[in-house]
Amino acid sequence: MKTLFVRNIHPETRESQLRALFSRCGTVRGIKLPMDIFTRRCRGVAMVDMEGHEARVAIAELDGAELNGQSIQVREERPRGKKRGRR
């Protein structure tokens, strides 16, 4: 399972629109679309869970695609490593 990080999403975008867009590339296992609690508008980012090979297809096909008049950016989310600091 891979998590894709999607940026530059229009504030009026809904989860159903993202699911329809990414479903063209494979099965969407889950979507997290953070919303502003006061305006109920999208914060401009989303995380989409897909299987590995389908996620690679989605990155290739959807990076730069237009959704609600804005060009979205699709990248594979990288896990954060341990921070190295002073001891």
Protein backbone atom coordinates (compact mmCIF):
# COMPACT_ATOMS: atom_id res chain seq x y z
CA MET A 1 0.00 0.00 0.00
CA LYS A 2 1.31 3.44 -0.93
CA THR A 3 0.14 6.83 0.26
CA LEU A 4 0.12 9.59 -2.32
CA PHE A 5 0.42 13.20 -1.23
CA VAL A 6 -1.68 15.54 -3.38
CA ARG A 7 -1.09 19.31 -3.26
CA ASN A 8 -2.54 22.44 -4.86
CA ILE A 9 -6.15 21.29 -4.50
CA HIS A 10 -8.89 23.87 -5.06
CA PRO A 11 -10.70 24.80 -1.80
CA GLU A 12 -14.09 23.70 -3.18
CA THR A 13 -12.89 20.16 -3.97
CA ARG A 14 -14.78 17.29 -2.33
CA GLU A 15 -13.66 13.75 -1.50
CA SER A 16 -15.98 12.28 -4.15
CA GLN A 17 -14.22 14.31 -6.87
CA LEU A 18 -10.79 13.06 -5.76
CA ARG A 19 -12.05 9.48 -5.57
CA ALA A 20 -13.47 9.70 -9.12
CA LEU A 21 -10.21 11.14 -10.47
CA PHE A 22 -7.89 8.59 -8.81
CA SER A 23 -10.23 5.65 -9.53
CA ARG A 24 -9.28 5.96 -13.20
CA CYS A 25 -5.83 4.62 -12.22
CA GLY A 26 -6.93 1.82 -9.86
CA THR A 27 -8.68 1.07 -6.60
CA VAL A 28 -8.64 3.84 -4.03
CA ARG A 29 -8.24 2.31 -0.56
CA GLY A 30 -8.71 5.52 1.38
CA ILE A 31 -8.68 9.32 1.18
CA LYS A 32 -7.89 11.89 3.84
CA LEU A 33 -9.00 15.37 2.84
CA PRO A 34 -8.37 17.86 5.68
CA MET A 35 -11.11 20.49 5.88
CA ASP A 36 -11.11 23.85 7.63
CA ILE A 37 -13.52 23.54 10.57
CA PHE A 38 -14.96 27.04 10.15
CA THR A 39 -15.32 27.40 6.37
CA ARG A 40 -15.76 23.65 5.57
CA ARG A 41 -13.41 24.14 2.63
CA CYS A 42 -10.48 21.93 1.64
CA ARG A 43 -7.11 23.00 3.03
CA GLY A 44 -5.40 22.34 -0.31
CA VAL A 45 -3.85 18.94 0.39
CA ALA A 46 -4.97 15.30 0.49
CA MET A 47 -3.57 11.83 1.12
CA VAL A 48 -4.74 9.03 -1.16
CA ASP A 49 -4.05 5.34 -0.37
CA MET A 50 -3.60 2.96 -3.32
CA GLU A 51 -1.75 -0.28 -4.08
CA GLY A 52 1.88 0.14 -5.17
CA HIS A 53 1.61 -0.42 -8.93
CA GLU A 54 -1.64 1.57 -9.15
CA ALA A 55 -0.06 4.41 -7.15
CA ARG A 56 2.84 4.60 -9.62
CA VAL A 57 0.35 4.81 -12.50
CA ALA A 58 -1.55 7.57 -10.68
CA ILE A 59 1.64 9.59 -10.17
CA ALA A 60 2.55 9.26 -13.85
CA GLU A 61 -0.91 10.12 -15.16
CA LEU A 62 -2.26 12.63 -12.63
CA ASP A 63 0.74 14.77 -11.67
CA GLY A 64 -0.10 18.07 -13.35
CA ALA A 65 -3.71 17.06 -14.11
CA GLU A 66 -6.40 19.70 -13.78
CA LEU A 67 -9.05 19.40 -11.05
CA ASN A 68 -11.55 22.24 -10.52
CA GLY A 69 -9.43 24.59 -12.60
CA GLN A 70 -6.15 23.98 -10.76
CA SER A 71 -3.16 21.85 -11.70
CA ILE A 72 -2.62 19.31 -8.90
CA GLN A 73 0.71 17.85 -7.79
CA VAL A 74 0.88 14.14 -6.96
CA ARG A 75 3.88 12.63 -5.14
CA GLU A 76 4.58 9.52 -3.13
CA GLU A 77 4.52 10.35 0.56
CA ARG A 78 7.84 9.63 2.22
CA PRO A 79 7.84 8.47 5.82
CA ARG A 80 9.54 10.83 8.19
CA GLY A 81 12.70 9.41 9.64
CA LYS A 82 14.11 9.92 13.08
CA LYS A 83 15.39 13.40 13.54
CA ARG A 84 19.05 13.55 14.31
CA GLY A 85 19.77 16.13 16.92
CA ARG A 86 22.25 16.90 19.56
CA ARG A 87 22.64 14.54 22.44
